[in-house]
């Protein structure tokens, strides 16, 4: 009887530690998700600001007939960089 009682208490301790580990993993996953969301929002704001600043710079630096071409090239570069960063962050 005493040995069975010891096994029951031992399994309860094991279950409690497993629940604590699972809870810690959930907290870490939520923390990473929160960091991802914050980084995406910051990246979005910075990208809009940078994008419109570069569009203004293109308008003042290049002739009218080349502005659309340079702006499109810049937009393609921005899309490629943001896609790469999101891919890297999601793997994290």
C-alpha atoms as a PDB file:
ATOM      1  CA  UNK A   1       0.000   0.000   0.000  1.00  0.00           C
ATOM      2  CA  UNK A   2       2.728   2.465   0.886  1.00  0.00           C
ATOM      3  CA  UNK A   3       4.551   1.805  -2.364  1.00  0.00           C
ATOM      4  CA  UNK A   4       1.362   2.418  -4.379  1.00  0.00           C
ATOM      5  CA  UNK A   5       0.777   5.675  -2.520  1.00  0.00           C
ATOM      6  CA  UNK A   6       4.346   6.740  -3.300  1.00  0.00           C
ATOM      7  CA  UNK A   7       3.810   5.989  -6.988  1.00  0.00           C
ATOM      8  CA  UNK A   8       0.612   8.047  -7.039  1.00  0.00           C
ATOM      9  CA  UNK A   9       2.350  11.032  -5.401  1.00  0.00           C
ATOM     10  CA  UNK A  10       5.281  10.658  -7.770  1.00  0.00           C
ATOM     11  CA  UNK A  11       3.044  10.632 -10.831  1.00  0.00           C
ATOM     12  CA  UNK A  12       1.220  13.739  -9.542  1.00  0.00           C
ATOM     13  CA  UNK A  13       4.581  15.540  -9.234  1.00  0.00           C
ATOM     14  CA  UNK A  14       5.540  14.446 -12.741  1.00  0.00           C
ATOM     15  CA  UNK A  15       2.212  15.637 -14.086  1.00  0.00           C
ATOM     16  CA  UNK A  16       2.590  18.999 -12.324  1.00  0.00           C
ATOM     17  CA  UNK A  17       6.087  19.537 -13.730  1.00  0.00           C
ATOM     18  CA  UNK A  18       4.869  18.566 -17.209  1.00  0.00           C
ATOM     19  CA  UNK A  19       2.021  21.097 -16.905  1.00  0.00           C
ATOM     20  CA  UNK A  20       4.520  23.777 -15.788  1.00  0.00           C
ATOM     21  CA  UNK A  21       6.734  23.047 -18.799  1.00  0.00           C
ATOM     22  CA  UNK A  22       3.757  23.173 -21.133  1.00  0.00           C
ATOM     23  CA  UNK A  23       2.670  26.472 -19.554  1.00  0.00           C
ATOM     24  CA  UNK A  24       6.189  27.860 -20.022  1.00  0.00           C
ATOM     25  CA  UNK A  25       6.193  26.787 -23.670  1.00  0.00           C
ATOM     26  CA  UNK A  26       2.830  28.498 -24.196  1.00  0.00           C
ATOM     27  CA  UNK A  27       4.143  31.711 -22.617  1.00  0.00           C
ATOM     28  CA  UNK A  28       7.214  31.629 -24.833  1.00  0.00           C
ATOM     29  CA  UNK A  29       5.077  31.051 -27.925  1.00  0.00           C
ATOM     30  CA  UNK A  30       2.767  33.968 -27.010  1.00  0.00           C
ATOM     31  CA  UNK A  31       5.795  36.175 -26.328  1.00  0.00           C
ATOM     32  CA  UNK A  32       7.258  35.350 -29.731  1.00  0.00           C
ATOM     33  CA  UNK A  33       3.903  36.001 -31.395  1.00  0.00           C
ATOM     34  CA  UNK A  34       3.661  39.364 -29.643  1.00  0.00           C
ATOM     35  CA  UNK A  35       7.182  40.286 -30.723  1.00  0.00           C
ATOM     36  CA  UNK A  36       6.337  39.263 -34.284  1.00  0.00           C
ATOM     37  CA  UNK A  37       3.210  41.429 -34.352  1.00  0.00           C
ATOM     38  CA  UNK A  38       5.033  44.444 -32.906  1.00  0.00           C
ATOM     39  CA  UNK A  39       7.900  44.055 -35.376  1.00  0.00           C
ATOM     40  CA  UNK A  40       5.499  43.752 -38.291  1.00  0.00           C
ATOM     41  CA  UNK A  41       3.664  46.928 -37.269  1.00  0.00           C
ATOM     42  CA  UNK A  42       6.926  48.850 -36.842  1.00  0.00           C
ATOM     43  CA  UNK A  43       8.149  47.556 -40.167  1.00  0.00           C
ATOM     44  CA  UNK A  44       4.905  48.595 -41.822  1.00  0.00           C
ATOM     45  CA  UNK A  45       5.075  52.152 -40.475  1.00  0.00           C
ATOM     46  CA  UNK A  46       8.775  52.519 -41.305  1.00  0.00           C
ATOM     47  CA  UNK A  47       8.259  51.085 -44.769  1.00  0.00           C
ATOM     48  CA  UNK A  48       5.463  53.539 -45.584  1.00  0.00           C
ATOM     49  CA  UNK A  49       7.508  56.457 -44.327  1.00  0.00           C
ATOM     50  CA  UNK A  50      10.623  55.377 -46.193  1.00  0.00           C
ATOM     51  CA  UNK A  51       8.691  54.539 -49.329  1.00  0.00           C
ATOM     52  CA  UNK A  52       7.041  57.934 -49.603  1.00  0.00           C
ATOM     53  CA  UNK A  53      10.316  59.698 -48.800  1.00  0.00           C
ATOM     54  CA  UNK A  54      12.060  57.857 -51.611  1.00  0.00           C
ATOM     55  CA  UNK A  55       9.195  58.596 -54.003  1.00  0.00           C
ATOM     56  CA  UNK A  56       9.653  62.291 -53.213  1.00  0.00           C
ATOM     57  CA  UNK A  57      13.403  61.979 -53.753  1.00  0.00           C
ATOM     58  CA  UNK A  58      12.850  60.214 -57.084  1.00  0.00           C
ATOM     59  CA  UNK A  59      10.519  63.009 -58.179  1.00  0.00           C
ATOM     60  CA  UNK A  60      13.168  65.614 -57.495  1.00  0.00           C
ATOM     61  CA  UNK A  61      16.222  63.683 -58.788  1.00  0.00           C
ATOM     62  CA  UNK A  62      15.004  62.082 -62.013  1.00  0.00           C
ATOM     63  CA  UNK A  63      13.362  63.400 -65.124  1.00  0.00           C
ATOM     64  CA  UNK A  64       9.621  62.938 -65.427  1.00  0.00           C
ATOM     65  CA  UNK A  65       9.832  60.103 -67.964  1.00  0.00           C
ATOM     66  CA  UNK A  66      12.101  57.981 -65.699  1.00  0.00           C
ATOM     67  CA  UNK A  67      10.265  58.531 -62.415  1.00  0.00           C
ATOM     68  CA  UNK A  68       7.791  55.664 -62.856  1.00  0.00           C
ATOM     69  CA  UNK A  69      10.562  53.220 -63.754  1.00  0.00           C
ATOM     70  CA  UNK A  70      12.732  54.129 -60.758  1.00  0.00           C
ATOM     71  CA  UNK A  71       9.732  54.107 -58.398  1.00  0.00           C
ATOM     72  CA  UNK A  72       8.665  50.661 -59.627  1.00  0.00           C
ATOM     73  CA  UNK A  73      12.196  49.309 -59.143  1.00  0.00           C
ATOM     74  CA  UNK A  74      12.295  50.699 -55.638  1.00  0.00           C
ATOM     75  CA  UNK A  75       8.883  49.201 -54.815  1.00  0.00           C
ATOM     76  CA  UNK A  76      10.083  45.792 -56.019  1.00  0.00           C
ATOM     77  CA  UNK A  77      13.145  46.036 -53.780  1.00  0.00           C
ATOM     78  CA  UNK A  78      10.995  46.985 -50.787  1.00  0.00           C
ATOM     79  CA  UNK A  79       8.697  44.017 -51.378  1.00  0.00           C
ATOM     80  CA  UNK A  80      11.655  41.628 -51.646  1.00  0.00           C
ATOM     81  CA  UNK A  81      13.272  42.900 -48.428  1.00  0.00           C
ATOM     82  CA  UNK A  82      10.023  42.801 -46.431  1.00  0.00           C
ATOM     83  CA  UNK A  83       9.241  39.278 -47.659  1.00  0.00           C
ATOM     84  CA  UNK A  84      12.729  38.115 -46.670  1.00  0.00           C
ATOM     85  CA  UNK A  85      12.477  39.698 -43.215  1.00  0.00           C
ATOM     86  CA  UNK A  86       9.056  38.182 -42.563  1.00  0.00           C
ATOM     87  CA  UNK A  87      10.318  34.772 -43.668  1.00  0.00           C
ATOM     88  CA  UNK A  88      13.272  35.091 -41.293  1.00  0.00           C
ATOM     89  CA  UNK A  89      11.135  36.242 -38.355  1.00  0.00           C
ATOM     90  CA  UNK A  90       8.541  33.512 -38.846  1.00  0.00           C
ATOM     91  CA  UNK A  91      11.278  30.839 -38.733  1.00  0.00           C
ATOM     92  CA  UNK A  92      12.549  32.305 -35.449  1.00  0.00           C
END
